[in-house]
C-alpha atoms as a PDB file:
ATOM      1  CA  MET A   1      77.737  96.635 113.196  1.00  0.00           C
ATOM      2  CA  TYR A   2      79.568  96.448 109.868  1.00  0.00           C
ATOM      3  CA  MET A   3      80.059  93.192 107.975  1.00  0.00           C
ATOM      4  CA  ASN A   4      82.383  92.042 105.194  1.00  0.00           C
ATOM      5  CA  VAL A   5      81.869  88.797 103.311  1.00  0.00           C
ATOM      6  CA  PHE A   6      84.826  87.672 101.199  1.00  0.00           C
ATOM      7  CA  ARG A   7      83.930  85.113  98.520  1.00  0.00           C
ATOM      8  CA  SER A   8      86.946  83.603  96.809  1.00  0.00           C
ATOM      9  CA  ARG A   9      88.495  80.893  94.690  1.00  0.00           C
ATOM     10  CA  LYS A  10      92.155  80.062  95.134  1.00  0.00           C
ATOM     11  CA  ARG A  11      94.530  79.326  92.282  1.00  0.00           C
ATOM     12  CA  ALA A  12      95.308  75.640  91.735  1.00  0.00           C
ATOM     13  CA  ASP A  13      99.065  76.236  91.984  1.00  0.00           C
ATOM     14  CA  ILE A  14      99.264  78.152  95.290  1.00  0.00           C
ATOM     15  CA  ASP A  15     101.762  77.398  98.024  1.00  0.00           C
ATOM     16  CA  ALA A  16      99.188  76.021 100.495  1.00  0.00           C
ATOM     17  CA  ALA A  17     101.560  76.215 103.478  1.00  0.00           C
ATOM     18  CA  ALA A  18     102.400  79.877 102.794  1.00  0.00           C
ATOM     19  CA  TYR A  19      98.717  80.681 102.336  1.00  0.00           C
ATOM     20  CA  ALA A  20      97.782  78.970 105.623  1.00  0.00           C
ATOM     21  CA  GLU A  21     100.554  80.842 107.443  1.00  0.00           C
ATOM     22  CA  ASP A  22      99.461  84.216 106.028  1.00  0.00           C
ATOM     23  CA  ALA A  23      95.794  83.497 106.760  1.00  0.00           C
ATOM     24  CA  ALA A  24      96.495  82.523 110.378  1.00  0.00           C
ATOM     25  CA  ARG A  25      98.691  85.594 110.889  1.00  0.00           C
ATOM     26  CA  MET A  26      96.038  87.909 109.421  1.00  0.00           C
ATOM     27  CA  GLU A  27      93.269  86.394 111.533  1.00  0.00           C
ATOM     28  CA  ALA A  28      95.342  86.857 114.698  1.00  0.00           C
ATOM     29  CA  LEU A  29      96.164  90.449 113.706  1.00  0.00           C
ATOM     30  CA  ALA A  30      92.519  91.237 112.861  1.00  0.00           C
ATOM     31  CA  ARG A  31      91.421  90.029 116.292  1.00  0.00           C
ATOM     32  CA  GLU A  32      93.719  92.669 117.852  1.00  0.00           C
ATOM     33  CA  GLN A  33      92.195  95.556 115.872  1.00  0.00           C
ATOM     34  CA  LYS A  34      89.844  98.150 117.317  1.00  0.00           C
ATOM     35  CA  GLY A  35      86.221  97.225 116.691  1.00  0.00           C
ATOM     36  CA  PHE A  36      86.798  93.569 115.777  1.00  0.00           C
ATOM     37  CA  ILE A  37      83.808  91.384 116.705  1.00  0.00           C
ATOM     38  CA  ALA A  38      84.128  88.041 114.910  1.00  0.00           C
ATOM     39  CA  TYR A  39      85.589  86.120 111.987  1.00  0.00           C
ATOM     40  CA  ARG A  40      84.490  82.849 110.379  1.00  0.00           C
ATOM     41  CA  SER A  41      85.545  81.037 107.218  1.00  0.00           C
ATOM     42  CA  TYR A  42      83.844  78.204 105.341  1.00  0.00           C
ATOM     43  CA  LYS A  43      84.919  76.118 102.355  1.00  0.00           C
ATOM     44  CA  ALA A  44      82.470  74.541  99.915  1.00  0.00           C
ATOM     45  CA  GLU A  45      83.038  71.163  98.280  1.00  0.00           C
ATOM     46  CA  ASP A  46      83.750  72.893  94.948  1.00  0.00           C
ATOM     47  CA  GLY A  47      86.616  74.876  96.513  1.00  0.00           C
ATOM     48  CA  GLU A  48      84.874  78.210  96.896  1.00  0.00           C
ATOM     49  CA  THR A  49      85.535  79.904 100.242  1.00  0.00           C
ATOM     50  CA  LEU A  50      83.354  82.353 102.171  1.00  0.00           C
ATOM     51  CA  SER A  51      84.918  84.379 104.965  1.00  0.00           C
ATOM     52  CA  MET A  52      82.913  86.748 107.121  1.00  0.00           C
ATOM     53  CA  SER A  53      84.211  89.443 109.439  1.00  0.00           C
ATOM     54  CA  GLU A  54      82.113  91.584 111.762  1.00  0.00           C
ATOM     55  CA  TRP A  55      83.184  94.995 113.051  1.00  0.00           C
ATOM     56  CA  GLU A  56      81.753  97.575 115.429  1.00  0.00           C
ATOM     57  CA  SER A  57      81.708 100.205 112.660  1.00  0.00           C
ATOM     58  CA  GLU A  58      82.541 100.837 109.028  1.00  0.00           C
ATOM     59  CA  ALA A  59      85.455 103.024 110.177  1.00  0.00           C
ATOM     60  CA  ASP A  60      86.920 100.081 112.118  1.00  0.00           C
ATOM     61  CA  ALA A  61      86.584  97.758 109.110  1.00  0.00           C
ATOM     62  CA  ARG A  62      88.165 100.308 106.791  1.00  0.00           C
ATOM     63  CA  ALA A  63      91.038 100.863 109.231  1.00  0.00           C
ATOM     64  CA  TRP A  64      91.674  97.116 109.114  1.00  0.00           C
ATOM     65  CA  ALA A  65      91.650  97.193 105.313  1.00  0.00           C
ATOM     66  CA  ARG A  66      94.338  99.918 105.441  1.00  0.00           C
ATOM     67  CA  ASN A  67      96.523  98.134 108.021  1.00  0.00           C
ATOM     68  CA  LEU A  68      99.987  97.948 106.431  1.00  0.00           C
ATOM     69  CA  ASP A  69     100.562  94.242 107.139  1.00  0.00           C
ATOM     70  CA  HIS A  70      97.052  93.398 105.929  1.00  0.00           C
ATOM     71  CA  ALA A  71      97.476  95.504 102.788  1.00  0.00           C
ATOM     72  CA  ALA A  72     100.747  93.707 101.984  1.00  0.00           C
ATOM     73  CA  VAL A  73      99.113  90.289 102.324  1.00  0.00           C
ATOM     74  CA  GLN A  74      96.146  91.476 100.227  1.00  0.00           C
ATOM     75  CA  GLY A  75      98.615  92.288  97.439  1.00  0.00           C
ATOM     76  CA  LYS A  76     100.240  88.885  97.864  1.00  0.00           C
ATOM     77  CA  GLY A  77      96.785  87.317  97.645  1.00  0.00           C
ATOM     78  CA  ARG A  78      96.063  88.984  94.307  1.00  0.00           C
ATOM     79  CA  ALA A  79      99.507  88.062  92.962  1.00  0.00           C
ATOM     80  CA  ASP A  80      99.916  84.537  94.335  1.00  0.00           C
ATOM     81  CA  TYR A  81      96.816  83.033  95.934  1.00  0.00           C
ATOM     82  CA  TYR A  82      93.492  83.993  94.369  1.00  0.00           C
ATOM     83  CA  GLU A  83      91.969  83.130  91.020  1.00  0.00           C
ATOM     84  CA  SER A  84      89.051  85.435  91.817  1.00  0.00           C
ATOM     85  CA  TYR A  85      87.241  87.085  94.701  1.00  0.00           C
ATOM     86  CA  THR A  86      84.318  89.338  95.513  1.00  0.00           C
ATOM     87  CA  VAL A  87      83.861  91.389  98.683  1.00  0.00           C
ATOM     88  CA  TYR A  88      80.377  92.200  99.956  1.00  0.00           C
ATOM     89  CA  SER A  89      80.191  94.954 102.590  1.00  0.00           C
ATOM     90  CA  CYS A  90      77.192  96.021 104.612  1.00  0.00           C
ATOM     91  CA  ASP A  91      76.708  98.742 107.199  1.00  0.00           C
ATOM     92  CA  ASP A  92      74.056  98.013 109.821  1.00  0.00           C
ATOM     93  CA  PRO A  93      72.907  94.671 108.371  1.00  0.00           C
ATOM     94  CA  ARG A  94      69.420  93.428 109.101  1.00  0.00           C
ATOM     95  CA  VAL A  95      69.919  90.558 111.555  1.00  0.00           C
ATOM     96  CA  THR A  96      67.323  87.865 112.244  1.00  0.00           C
ATOM     97  CA  THR A  97      68.080  85.098 114.721  1.00  0.00           C
ATOM     98  CA  PHE A  98      66.560  81.834 115.898  1.00  0.00           C
ATOM     99  CA  ASP A  99      67.677  79.916 118.963  1.00  0.00           C
ATOM    100  CA  ARG A 100      65.712  76.814 119.923  1.00  0.00           C
ATOM    101  CA  SER A 101      66.943  77.027 123.522  1.00  0.00           C
ATOM    102  CA  ASN A 102      65.080  80.340 123.923  1.00  0.00           C
ATOM    103  CA  GLU A 103      61.660  78.916 123.063  1.00  0.00           C
END
């Protein structure tokens, strides 16, 4: 498995409707890509957002990063939506789970 965590802060003056439309379109497109496993996004009270995507392999995640529609929206994000962001990427992450129902 390969994982990307996208930590971001949006600009105060973004077009929220355009951002929501682009985000929904990119999530739907990502779900169609080879190797896609899961996507989740969370927003903190201070406005910071964490988004996590899981992929079968690093090659699958990198192919998604190079997708032409995705690349165009990434450029739009840098120009119009984000104040700052950091991407954390991990190949073969150590995974520890707990599930009370399995006790």
